[in-house]
Protein backbone atom coordinates (compact mmCIF):
# COMPACT_ATOMS: atom_id res chain seq x y z
CA MET A 1 30.40 1.10 -0.84
CA ASP A 2 26.98 -0.26 -1.82
CA VAL A 3 24.56 -2.71 -3.61
CA ASP A 4 25.14 -0.73 -6.72
CA THR A 5 29.21 -0.92 -6.23
CA THR A 6 29.53 -4.18 -5.40
CA ARG A 7 26.74 -5.82 -7.83
CA LYS A 8 29.78 -7.45 -9.56
CA LYS A 9 31.15 -10.26 -8.49
CA GLY A 10 34.12 -10.08 -6.14
CA ALA A 11 33.98 -5.90 -6.86
CA HIS A 12 32.49 -5.80 -2.48
CA GLU A 13 36.27 -7.89 -1.55
CA ARG A 14 38.06 -5.40 -3.69
CA ILE A 15 37.06 -2.76 -2.37
CA ILE A 16 37.75 -3.95 1.46
CA ASN A 17 40.94 -4.94 0.86
CA ALA A 18 41.70 -1.49 -1.12
CA PHE A 19 41.19 0.40 1.60
CA ALA A 20 42.63 -2.48 4.25
CA ASN A 21 46.19 -1.74 2.10
CA ARG A 22 46.15 2.33 3.01
CA GLU A 23 44.73 2.56 -0.77
CA ALA A 24 42.09 4.62 0.35
CA ASP A 25 41.79 6.84 3.88
CA ILE A 26 37.72 7.17 3.94
CA LEU A 27 35.69 4.15 2.82
CA LEU A 28 31.50 5.47 2.52
CA GLY A 29 28.95 2.97 2.58
CA THR A 30 25.77 2.35 3.55
CA GLN A 31 24.93 -0.35 6.47
CA MET A 32 26.82 -2.66 4.94
CA ILE A 33 30.10 -1.03 6.65
CA ALA A 34 28.67 -1.13 9.82
CA LYS A 35 28.97 -5.32 10.29
CA GLY A 36 31.95 -8.09 10.57
CA LEU A 37 34.29 -5.81 9.21
CA ASP A 38 37.99 -4.60 11.88
CA PHE A 39 40.18 -2.51 10.38
CA PRO A 40 42.65 -1.29 13.05
CA ASP A 41 43.50 1.82 11.77
CA VAL A 42 40.10 2.65 11.42
CA THR A 43 39.58 5.93 14.24
CA LEU A 44 37.10 7.77 13.50
CA VAL A 45 33.24 6.80 12.18
CA GLY A 46 30.93 8.75 10.66
CA VAL A 47 26.88 7.84 11.00
CA LEU A 48 24.34 10.50 8.70
CA ASN A 49 21.14 10.50 8.99
CA ALA A 50 21.23 7.57 12.15
CA ASP A 51 17.77 8.21 13.13
CA SER A 52 16.24 7.74 10.00
CA ALA A 53 15.13 4.34 10.71
CA LEU A 54 13.20 5.57 13.90
CA GLN A 55 11.29 7.49 12.01
CA PHE A 56 9.70 3.95 9.71
CA PRO A 57 6.55 2.68 11.71
CA ASP A 58 7.02 -0.58 12.99
CA PHE A 59 7.55 -1.10 16.12
CA ARG A 60 11.97 -2.47 15.92
CA SER A 61 12.60 0.75 15.13
CA SER A 62 14.25 2.17 17.69
CA GLU A 63 15.78 -1.44 18.84
CA ARG A 64 16.89 -1.80 14.54
CA THR A 65 18.48 2.02 15.09
CA PHE A 66 20.58 0.75 18.37
CA GLU A 67 22.00 -1.67 17.49
CA LEU A 68 23.78 0.04 14.04
CA LEU A 69 24.72 2.89 16.63
CA THR A 70 26.76 -0.34 18.77
CA GLN A 71 27.77 -1.83 15.75
CA VAL A 72 28.90 1.70 13.80
CA ALA A 73 30.88 2.31 17.43
CA GLY A 74 32.89 -1.34 17.48
CA ARG A 75 34.70 -0.42 13.87
CA ALA A 76 36.89 2.85 15.57
CA GLY A 77 38.88 2.86 17.66
CA ARG A 78 40.03 -0.92 17.55
CA ALA A 79 43.60 -2.32 18.96
CA ASP A 80 45.68 0.27 20.62
CA LYS A 81 44.17 3.35 19.16
CA THR A 82 41.45 5.49 21.14
CA GLY A 83 38.14 5.84 18.36
CA GLU A 84 35.78 8.21 17.97
CA VAL A 85 32.22 8.29 16.28
CA VAL A 86 30.29 11.39 15.06
CA ILE A 87 27.00 10.54 15.04
CA GLN A 88 24.30 13.12 12.79
CA THR A 89 20.68 12.60 14.71
CA TYR A 90 17.61 15.44 14.66
CA ASN A 91 16.42 13.33 17.78
CA PRO A 92 19.69 13.46 20.23
CA LYS A 93 17.41 13.28 23.37
CA HIS A 94 16.23 9.89 21.86
CA TYR A 95 17.00 6.59 24.21
CA ALA A 96 18.25 4.83 21.46
CA ILE A 97 21.08 7.15 20.48
CA GLN A 98 21.48 8.88 23.63
CA LEU A 99 22.17 4.44 25.07
CA SER A 100 24.16 4.28 22.09
CA GLN A 101 25.90 6.65 22.42
CA ARG A 102 26.58 5.10 25.72
CA GLN A 103 26.59 1.17 24.67
CA ASP A 104 24.42 0.83 27.81
CA TYR A 105 22.87 -2.29 26.46
CA GLU A 106 20.84 -2.63 30.19
CA ALA A 107 19.03 1.00 28.96
CA PHE A 108 18.12 0.44 26.68
CA TYR A 109 16.75 -3.51 27.06
CA GLN A 110 15.01 -1.82 30.58
CA LYS A 111 13.69 0.91 28.40
CA GLU A 112 12.94 -0.64 25.67
CA MET A 113 11.14 -4.07 27.62
CA GLY A 114 8.50 -1.08 29.10
CA ILE A 115 7.64 0.85 25.89
CA ARG A 116 6.33 -3.37 24.48
CA ARG A 117 4.75 -4.05 27.31
CA LEU A 118 2.73 -1.00 27.13
CA GLY A 119 2.41 -1.00 23.97
CA LYS A 120 1.63 -5.15 23.90
CA TYR A 121 4.32 -5.78 21.22
CA PRO A 122 6.69 -8.78 21.96
CA PRO A 123 7.96 -11.28 23.87
CA PHE A 124 4.95 -9.49 26.00
CA TYR A 125 2.63 -10.59 22.53
CA TYR A 126 2.31 -12.76 20.03
CA THR A 127 2.00 -10.98 16.33
CA ILE A 128 0.46 -12.31 13.43
CA LYS A 129 0.55 -9.97 9.47
CA ILE A 130 -1.61 -11.13 7.21
CA THR A 131 -1.30 -10.01 4.09
CA GLY A 132 -3.31 -9.83 1.12
CA ASN A 133 -2.15 -8.30 -2.99
CA SER A 134 -4.38 -7.62 -6.33
CA LYS A 135 -4.15 -5.67 -9.44
CA ASN A 136 -8.11 -4.35 -8.41
CA GLU A 137 -7.15 -2.02 -5.25
CA ARG A 138 -11.31 -2.50 -4.23
CA THR A 139 -11.22 -5.84 -4.49
CA VAL A 140 -7.71 -6.62 -1.96
CA LEU A 141 -9.55 -3.61 0.63
CA SER A 142 -13.21 -5.76 0.65
CA GLN A 143 -11.60 -9.22 0.81
CA MET A 144 -8.99 -7.92 3.54
CA LEU A 145 -12.38 -5.56 5.75
CA SER A 146 -14.22 -9.45 5.53
CA LEU A 147 -11.17 -11.16 6.31
CA THR A 148 -10.24 -9.09 9.44
CA ASN A 149 -14.52 -9.26 10.03
CA TYR A 150 -14.16 -12.63 10.81
CA LEU A 151 -11.29 -12.32 12.62
CA LYS A 152 -13.69 -9.82 15.40
CA GLY A 153 -16.19 -12.79 15.22
CA GLN A 154 -14.09 -16.14 15.85
CA LEU A 155 -11.24 -14.33 18.65
CA SER A 156 -11.70 -13.16 22.20
CA ASN A 157 -12.42 -9.65 23.10
CA LYS A 158 -8.79 -9.72 24.38
CA ALA A 159 -7.08 -10.65 21.36
CA ILE A 160 -6.37 -6.69 19.26
CA ILE A 161 -6.80 -6.61 15.82
CA LEU A 162 -5.83 -3.43 13.80
CA GLY A 163 -6.73 -2.96 9.88
CA PRO A 164 -6.68 -3.17 7.52
CA THR A 165 -4.36 -0.80 6.00
CA PRO A 166 -2.22 -0.10 3.26
CA LYS A 167 1.69 -1.12 3.98
CA MET A 168 4.12 1.43 4.05
CA ILE A 169 4.66 0.59 -0.10
CA THR A 170 0.84 -0.42 -1.47
CA ARG A 171 1.56 -0.51 -4.64
CA ILE A 172 4.23 -3.18 -6.03
CA ASN A 173 4.54 -4.50 -9.75
CA ASN A 174 0.96 -2.86 -10.33
CA HIS A 175 -0.33 -5.05 -7.82
CA TYR A 176 -1.77 -3.60 -3.95
CA TYR A 177 -0.82 -4.59 -1.21
CA TYR A 178 -2.71 -5.18 1.94
CA GLN A 179 -2.30 -5.76 5.40
CA THR A 180 -3.97 -7.17 9.01
CA ILE A 181 -2.29 -7.39 12.11
CA ILE A 182 -3.23 -8.99 14.84
CA LYS A 183 -1.75 -9.15 18.91
CA TYR A 184 -2.42 -11.81 20.96
CA ARG A 185 -1.65 -14.35 24.16
CA PHE A 186 -3.94 -17.15 24.29
CA GLU A 187 -6.35 -18.08 21.40
CA ASP A 188 -7.92 -21.66 20.73
CA GLN A 189 -9.62 -20.77 18.10
CA LEU A 190 -6.63 -18.51 16.07
CA LYS A 191 -5.50 -21.34 14.51
CA PRO A 192 -9.26 -23.46 13.14
CA ALA A 193 -9.36 -19.37 12.08
CA LEU A 194 -6.19 -19.56 10.14
CA ASP A 195 -6.48 -22.42 8.87
CA ASN A 196 -10.30 -21.51 7.30
CA ILE A 197 -8.62 -18.68 5.87
CA LEU A 198 -5.89 -20.20 4.21
CA THR A 199 -8.59 -22.85 2.92
CA GLU A 200 -10.86 -20.35 1.73
CA SER A 201 -7.89 -17.82 -0.12
CA GLN A 202 -7.21 -21.11 -2.49
CA LYS A 203 -11.15 -20.68 -3.96
CA LEU A 204 -9.11 -16.59 -4.64
CA ARG A 205 -8.30 -16.03 -8.45
CA ASP A 206 -8.23 -12.69 -7.38
CA VAL A 207 -6.52 -11.61 -4.72
CA GLN A 208 -2.82 -14.23 -2.99
CA LEU A 209 -3.16 -13.71 1.51
CA SER A 210 0.17 -14.47 3.24
CA ILE A 211 0.22 -15.10 6.43
CA ASP A 212 3.31 -14.23 8.67
CA ASN A 213 4.22 -15.69 11.89
CA GLU A 214 6.37 -12.99 14.30
CA PRO A 215 6.73 -11.31 11.17
CA LEU A 216 9.98 -9.41 11.08
CA ASP A 217 8.13 -5.83 10.78
CA PHE A 218 5.10 -4.82 10.77
CA ILE A 219 5.43 -1.80 7.29
């Protein structure tokens, strides 16, 4: 079960009902089968490439991996039947893998918060992502460099400004995407600076800018 097999109206429900009615003994799917499904007769769940999310350059990758694996574990062994979860991973010693195996939420929280504190990530720092895109790569890069230098001149040296860097998928629909990340705690001049950037961006003809407060990812 994935996006392709559930594209038609009612396809999702038909697959779920067929599996629930024991018309099939094995259900294969993407992450969508990990959430909100309850099959009392399911006693074995397997997760392939469980650590794939850990490869993403994003500070929430460990959290997402832990969340997915604990959700998957909850799909096996409902009611009075014992369940088993088999996890395929290239990083068996990673804390997100090991702690999800034990479903140790408290230990994961403590470990994750320690790492985020050192890395100056939320919830210890606020974050903003500024993204620019254009059909011309040199144009958008030049604009993002100018924007980033402007921010460095407006904010205190306590603010952390990263970039500009190309997004993980740099080119989409013939547009090139670059981004700058701001990590900060208290910056009185940040709002006026961002307001000015938005105002000036309205004058740009070849570059589109967007500002994402507390983005869900940095990729």
